[in-house]
Structures are given as structure tokens and as C-alpha cells.
Amino acid sequence: MKTQGNIKLTSSAKTSKESVIEFNIVPNEKTPWHYHTLFSETFEILEGTLEVGVNNQVHQLVKGDRVTIKPNEKHYFNNISKDECLILVTISPGNENFENALLISKGLARDGLASAAGTPKKLTDLALFVYLNNSKMVGLQKIAEPLFNFLAARAIKKGRLKELELKYF
């Protein structure tokens, strides 16, 4: 099994209309239900299996499968298998902040600064991740969104984002 934190930026919003990112999702790595307002997200499974929920449907995706999540559609992913999953994610239109969020989160994971589920252990780093990747919370988590926005703005002001960019880009 590969180490949590492998990521390759194939195409960047800096030079292309789309962001294309290949990365691994280790067993038990997951996201909570959320949505994005700025872009669609297409997951293509390169290796392994991945559970992806979109609106009221749950998909078990295997190698070769793909699913596109449109802006404002609630979704999550969860690697419920015992094996690593390798995916290609296409963000359209491309979004540099999303790219940066993944680079930082996978870097934190490599350094042991994220949980087994891939969540940054430090609350301010989690807030920055949520802010950068344009994640909007759903359900009861929605009440935490103003706090996360405040923590992200404060972390940017205090230089934490610059520190993470210097380390992981």
C-alpha cells in the first residue's frame, strides 16, 4: 500500500481551463457531506473502489467508472475498502485554490498531521482546507461554517497559509 498523501497535479488552472489532479485515497479516508458553488467535480477511478454519495444516491465506483458532481450538488466520498484507491479528479472550471487545498492536505497527511480519514489534525488547517476548496457544509455541520470562515481568515492574516504553501508547493 502507498503512503497516505500521494498527489500529482496533471493540469493546473494556471495554464488550462480545468484542474486535473491524480491522488490516492487510503482505506477509511473520507469527506463529510458537502458541496461546492464554484465548479463541477468529476471523479474517475484509476485503481481500487470508492463509495461516492451524490444527492440521494450512493455509488460504488470501480476502475474505469466516473461520476460528475455539478455545482451545488451535495456529495461525499469514502474509501470503505481495505485497499488504496487511486482517482483522477477534474475540476471545471479549474480552481487554483482547490489545487492548493489538496496539495496542502496531502502534504499534511504525509507528515502525519492528518487523521486516518484525511482530516487535518489542526483546526486552523482544517478551516483553511475547507475555505480553499470551496466546501460548503450541510446539515448540522452548517452551524460551524461561520467559525471555519473566521478561523481561515485569521490563519491567512497570521501567515499560516503562506507557511503551508512554502512547505507543500
C-alpha atoms as a PDB file:
ATOM      1  CA  MET A   1       0.000   0.000   0.000  1.00  0.00           C
ATOM      2  CA  LYS A   2       1.194   3.514  -0.765  1.00  0.00           C
ATOM      3  CA  THR A   3       1.606   6.109   1.935  1.00  0.00           C
ATOM      4  CA  GLN A   4      -1.262   8.485   2.516  1.00  0.00           C
ATOM      5  CA  GLY A   5      -0.534  11.736   0.755  1.00  0.00           C
ATOM      6  CA  ASN A   6       0.392  10.895  -2.844  1.00  0.00           C
ATOM      7  CA  ILE A   7      -0.751  13.571  -5.273  1.00  0.00           C
ATOM      8  CA  LYS A   8       0.082  14.699  -8.814  1.00  0.00           C
ATOM      9  CA  LEU A   9      -1.232  17.862 -10.420  1.00  0.00           C
ATOM     10  CA  THR A  10      -1.708  16.877 -14.078  1.00  0.00           C
ATOM     11  CA  SER A  11      -3.240  20.122 -15.317  1.00  0.00           C
ATOM     12  CA  SER A  12      -3.471  23.421 -13.449  1.00  0.00           C
ATOM     13  CA  ALA A  13      -5.960  26.268 -13.629  1.00  0.00           C
ATOM     14  CA  LYS A  14      -2.892  28.484 -14.117  1.00  0.00           C
ATOM     15  CA  THR A  15      -2.460  27.172 -17.653  1.00  0.00           C
ATOM     16  CA  SER A  16      -5.676  25.316 -18.504  1.00  0.00           C
ATOM     17  CA  LYS A  17      -9.442  25.627 -18.298  1.00  0.00           C
ATOM     18  CA  GLU A  18      -9.568  22.680 -15.896  1.00  0.00           C
ATOM     19  CA  SER A  19      -7.716  21.427 -12.840  1.00  0.00           C
ATOM     20  CA  VAL A  20      -6.827  17.744 -13.172  1.00  0.00           C
ATOM     21  CA  ILE A  21      -5.398  16.049 -10.103  1.00  0.00           C
ATOM     22  CA  GLU A  22      -4.435  12.419  -9.509  1.00  0.00           C
ATOM     23  CA  PHE A  23      -4.293  11.302  -5.895  1.00  0.00           C
ATOM     24  CA  ASN A  24      -4.657   8.330  -3.613  1.00  0.00           C
ATOM     25  CA  ILE A  25      -7.412   7.728  -1.107  1.00  0.00           C
ATOM     26  CA  VAL A  26      -6.356   5.280   1.601  1.00  0.00           C
ATOM     27  CA  PRO A  27      -8.761   2.917   3.390  1.00  0.00           C
ATOM     28  CA  ASN A  28     -11.099   4.834   5.737  1.00  0.00           C
ATOM     29  CA  GLU A  29     -10.231   8.184   4.146  1.00  0.00           C
ATOM     30  CA  LYS A  30     -13.416  10.155   3.603  1.00  0.00           C
ATOM     31  CA  THR A  31     -15.099  13.517   3.384  1.00  0.00           C
ATOM     32  CA  PRO A  32     -18.318  14.569   5.078  1.00  0.00           C
ATOM     33  CA  TRP A  33     -21.334  15.595   3.013  1.00  0.00           C
ATOM     34  CA  HIS A  34     -20.601  18.957   1.397  1.00  0.00           C
ATOM     35  CA  TYR A  35     -20.995  20.886  -1.840  1.00  0.00           C
ATOM     36  CA  HIS A  36     -19.073  23.391  -3.963  1.00  0.00           C
ATOM     37  CA  THR A  37     -20.527  26.514  -5.563  1.00  0.00           C
ATOM     38  CA  LEU A  38     -17.735  27.421  -7.991  1.00  0.00           C
ATOM     39  CA  PHE A  39     -17.100  24.271 -10.058  1.00  0.00           C
ATOM     40  CA  SER A  40     -18.106  20.753 -11.017  1.00  0.00           C
ATOM     41  CA  GLU A  41     -16.032  17.812  -9.879  1.00  0.00           C
ATOM     42  CA  THR A  42     -15.551  14.595 -11.885  1.00  0.00           C
ATOM     43  CA  PHE A  43     -14.136  11.520 -10.142  1.00  0.00           C
ATOM     44  CA  GLU A  44     -12.594   8.814 -12.350  1.00  0.00           C
ATOM     45  CA  ILE A  45     -11.403   5.650 -10.639  1.00  0.00           C
ATOM     46  CA  LEU A  46      -7.962   4.553 -11.840  1.00  0.00           C
ATOM     47  CA  GLU A  47      -7.422   1.766  -9.260  1.00  0.00           C
ATOM     48  CA  GLY A  48      -9.491   0.332  -6.436  1.00  0.00           C
ATOM     49  CA  THR A  49     -13.038   1.123  -5.401  1.00  0.00           C
ATOM     50  CA  LEU A  50     -14.644   4.207  -3.914  1.00  0.00           C
ATOM     51  CA  GLU A  51     -18.030   4.936  -2.426  1.00  0.00           C
ATOM     52  CA  VAL A  52     -19.373   8.275  -3.647  1.00  0.00           C
ATOM     53  CA  GLY A  53     -22.652   9.759  -2.493  1.00  0.00           C
ATOM     54  CA  VAL A  54     -24.322  12.341  -4.729  1.00  0.00           C
ATOM     55  CA  ASN A  55     -27.575  13.904  -3.562  1.00  0.00           C
ATOM     56  CA  ASN A  56     -29.696  10.894  -2.535  1.00  0.00           C
ATOM     57  CA  GLN A  57     -27.724   8.206  -4.385  1.00  0.00           C
ATOM     58  CA  VAL A  58     -24.704   6.178  -3.285  1.00  0.00           C
ATOM     59  CA  HIS A  59     -22.410   4.784  -5.992  1.00  0.00           C
ATOM     60  CA  GLN A  60     -19.799   2.035  -5.587  1.00  0.00           C
ATOM     61  CA  LEU A  61     -17.263   3.052  -8.218  1.00  0.00           C
ATOM     62  CA  VAL A  62     -14.576   0.700  -9.559  1.00  0.00           C
ATOM     63  CA  LYS A  63     -11.721   1.071 -12.025  1.00  0.00           C
ATOM     64  CA  GLY A  64     -12.939   2.868 -15.155  1.00  0.00           C
ATOM     65  CA  ASP A  65     -16.067   4.326 -13.534  1.00  0.00           C
ATOM     66  CA  ARG A  66     -16.632   8.049 -13.313  1.00  0.00           C
ATOM     67  CA  VAL A  67     -19.186  10.363 -11.784  1.00  0.00           C
ATOM     68  CA  THR A  68     -19.623  14.116 -12.190  1.00  0.00           C
ATOM     69  CA  ILE A  69     -20.895  16.284  -9.360  1.00  0.00           C
ATOM     70  CA  LYS A  70     -22.347  19.586 -10.509  1.00  0.00           C
ATOM     71  CA  PRO A  71     -22.050  22.856  -8.571  1.00  0.00           C
ATOM     72  CA  ASN A  72     -24.334  22.921  -5.511  1.00  0.00           C
ATOM     73  CA  GLU A  73     -24.877  19.133  -5.518  1.00  0.00           C
ATOM     74  CA  LYS A  74     -24.217  17.654  -2.094  1.00  0.00           C
ATOM     75  CA  HIS A  75     -21.737  14.797  -2.108  1.00  0.00           C
ATOM     76  CA  TYR A  76     -19.117  12.827  -0.185  1.00  0.00           C
ATOM     77  CA  PHE A  77     -16.571  10.100  -0.808  1.00  0.00           C
ATOM     78  CA  ASN A  78     -15.405   7.269   1.403  1.00  0.00           C
ATOM     79  CA  ASN A  79     -12.880   4.513   0.767  1.00  0.00           C
ATOM     80  CA  ILE A  80     -14.675   1.678   2.546  1.00  0.00           C
ATOM     81  CA  SER A  81     -12.406  -0.994   1.030  1.00  0.00           C
ATOM     82  CA  LYS A  82      -9.236  -2.427   2.524  1.00  0.00           C
ATOM     83  CA  ASP A  83      -7.208  -1.217  -0.465  1.00  0.00           C
ATOM     84  CA  GLU A  84      -5.989   2.151  -1.606  1.00  0.00           C
ATOM     85  CA  CYS A  85      -7.975   3.868  -4.325  1.00  0.00           C
ATOM     86  CA  LEU A  86      -6.310   5.990  -6.998  1.00  0.00           C
ATOM     87  CA  ILE A  87      -8.512   8.631  -8.592  1.00  0.00           C
ATOM     88  CA  LEU A  88      -8.318  11.354 -11.189  1.00  0.00           C
ATOM     89  CA  VAL A  89     -10.360  14.418 -10.260  1.00  0.00           C
ATOM     90  CA  THR A  90     -11.232  17.047 -12.843  1.00  0.00           C
ATOM     91  CA  ILE A  91     -12.408  20.445 -11.590  1.00  0.00           C
ATOM     92  CA  SER A  92     -14.254  22.542 -14.170  1.00  0.00           C
ATOM     93  CA  PRO A  93     -13.674  25.389 -14.429  1.00  0.00           C
ATOM     94  CA  GLY A  94     -10.225  24.951 -12.954  1.00  0.00           C
ATOM     95  CA  ASN A  95      -9.627  26.355  -9.494  1.00  0.00           C
ATOM     96  CA  GLU A  96      -6.154  27.108  -8.109  1.00  0.00           C
ATOM     97  CA  ASN A  97      -7.425  27.272  -4.539  1.00  0.00           C
ATOM     98  CA  PHE A  98      -8.842  23.745  -4.866  1.00  0.00           C
ATOM     99  CA  GLU A  99      -5.496  22.541  -6.220  1.00  0.00           C
ATOM    100  CA  ASN A 100      -3.700  24.214  -3.316  1.00  0.00           C
ATOM    101  CA  ALA A 101      -6.100  22.720  -0.771  1.00  0.00           C
ATOM    102  CA  LEU A 102      -5.347  19.194  -1.995  1.00  0.00           C
ATOM    103  CA  LEU A 103      -1.593  19.772  -2.157  1.00  0.00           C
ATOM    104  CA  ILE A 104      -1.635  21.054   1.420  1.00  0.00           C
ATOM    105  CA  SER A 105      -3.921  18.322   2.773  1.00  0.00           C
ATOM    106  CA  LYS A 106      -1.905  15.509   1.190  1.00  0.00           C
ATOM    107  CA  GLY A 107       1.311  17.137   2.449  1.00  0.00           C
ATOM    108  CA  LEU A 108      -0.111  17.285   5.961  1.00  0.00           C
ATOM    109  CA  ALA A 109      -1.106  13.616   5.644  1.00  0.00           C
ATOM    110  CA  ARG A 110       2.429  12.635   4.554  1.00  0.00           C
ATOM    111  CA  ASP A 111       3.795  14.445   7.596  1.00  0.00           C
ATOM    112  CA  GLY A 112       1.394  12.677   9.971  1.00  0.00           C
ATOM    113  CA  LEU A 113      -0.587  15.881  10.566  1.00  0.00           C
ATOM    114  CA  ALA A 114      -3.918  14.428   9.393  1.00  0.00           C
ATOM    115  CA  SER A 115      -6.175  11.726  10.780  1.00  0.00           C
ATOM    116  CA  ALA A 116      -6.657   8.319   9.128  1.00  0.00           C
ATOM    117  CA  ALA A 117      -9.743   9.832   7.484  1.00  0.00           C
ATOM    118  CA  GLY A 118      -7.509  12.503   5.880  1.00  0.00           C
ATOM    119  CA  THR A 119      -8.735  15.361   8.074  1.00  0.00           C
ATOM    120  CA  PRO A 120      -6.069  17.885   9.096  1.00  0.00           C
ATOM    121  CA  LYS A 121      -5.496  17.497  12.847  1.00  0.00           C
ATOM    122  CA  LYS A 122      -5.048  21.215  13.481  1.00  0.00           C
ATOM    123  CA  LEU A 123      -8.392  23.067  13.449  1.00  0.00           C
ATOM    124  CA  THR A 124      -6.977  26.102  11.633  1.00  0.00           C
ATOM    125  CA  ASP A 125      -5.505  23.846   8.911  1.00  0.00           C
ATOM    126  CA  LEU A 126      -8.901  22.173   8.516  1.00  0.00           C
ATOM    127  CA  ALA A 127     -10.555  25.593   8.268  1.00  0.00           C
ATOM    128  CA  LEU A 128      -8.060  26.628   5.582  1.00  0.00           C
ATOM    129  CA  PHE A 129      -8.726  23.401   3.646  1.00  0.00           C
ATOM    130  CA  VAL A 130     -12.492  23.960   3.750  1.00  0.00           C
ATOM    131  CA  TYR A 131     -12.068  27.587   2.697  1.00  0.00           C
ATOM    132  CA  LEU A 132      -9.616  26.883  -0.127  1.00  0.00           C
ATOM    133  CA  ASN A 133     -11.560  24.052  -1.722  1.00  0.00           C
ATOM    134  CA  ASN A 134     -14.854  25.980  -1.629  1.00  0.00           C
ATOM    135  CA  SER A 135     -16.525  23.352   0.576  1.00  0.00           C
ATOM    136  CA  LYS A 136     -19.912  24.318   1.916  1.00  0.00           C
ATOM    137  CA  MET A 137     -21.214  22.274   4.804  1.00  0.00           C
ATOM    138  CA  VAL A 138     -24.629  20.618   5.014  1.00  0.00           C
ATOM    139  CA  GLY A 139     -26.868  19.511   7.850  1.00  0.00           C
ATOM    140  CA  LEU A 140     -25.813  20.220  11.430  1.00  0.00           C
ATOM    141  CA  GLN A 141     -22.250  20.925  10.267  1.00  0.00           C
ATOM    142  CA  LYS A 142     -23.585  24.088   8.598  1.00  0.00           C
ATOM    143  CA  ILE A 143     -23.641  25.839  12.003  1.00  0.00           C
ATOM    144  CA  ALA A 144     -19.828  25.532  12.157  1.00  0.00           C
ATOM    145  CA  GLU A 145     -19.326  27.287   8.799  1.00  0.00           C
ATOM    146  CA  PRO A 146     -19.068  30.859  10.219  1.00  0.00           C
ATOM    147  CA  LEU A 147     -16.462  29.668  12.727  1.00  0.00           C
ATOM    148  CA  PHE A 148     -14.455  27.966   9.977  1.00  0.00           C
ATOM    149  CA  ASN A 149     -14.611  31.114   7.834  1.00  0.00           C
ATOM    150  CA  PHE A 150     -13.369  33.181  10.784  1.00  0.00           C
ATOM    151  CA  LEU A 151     -10.549  30.724  11.568  1.00  0.00           C
ATOM    152  CA  ALA A 152      -9.467  30.597   7.907  1.00  0.00           C
ATOM    153  CA  ALA A 153      -9.385  34.398   7.607  1.00  0.00           C
ATOM    154  CA  ARG A 154      -7.397  34.635  10.835  1.00  0.00           C
ATOM    155  CA  ALA A 155      -4.954  31.900   9.724  1.00  0.00           C
ATOM    156  CA  ILE A 156      -4.380  33.721   6.432  1.00  0.00           C
ATOM    157  CA  LYS A 157      -3.799  37.007   8.267  1.00  0.00           C
ATOM    158  CA  LYS A 158      -1.353  35.353  10.695  1.00  0.00           C
ATOM    159  CA  GLY A 159       0.634  33.761   7.848  1.00  0.00           C
ATOM    160  CA  ARG A 160      -0.331  30.096   8.306  1.00  0.00           C
ATOM    161  CA  LEU A 161      -1.440  29.739   4.683  1.00  0.00           C
ATOM    162  CA  LYS A 162       1.881  31.158   3.425  1.00  0.00           C
ATOM    163  CA  GLU A 163       3.735  28.765   5.735  1.00  0.00           C
ATOM    164  CA  LEU A 164       1.817  25.773   4.339  1.00  0.00           C
ATOM    165  CA  GLU A 165       2.309  26.946   0.741  1.00  0.00           C
ATOM    166  CA  LEU A 166       6.060  27.254   1.260  1.00  0.00           C
ATOM    167  CA  LYS A 167       6.217  23.772   2.720  1.00  0.00           C
ATOM    168  CA  TYR A 168       3.961  21.870   0.318  1.00  0.00           C
ATOM    169  CA  PHE A 169       4.240  23.544  -3.099  1.00  0.00           C
END
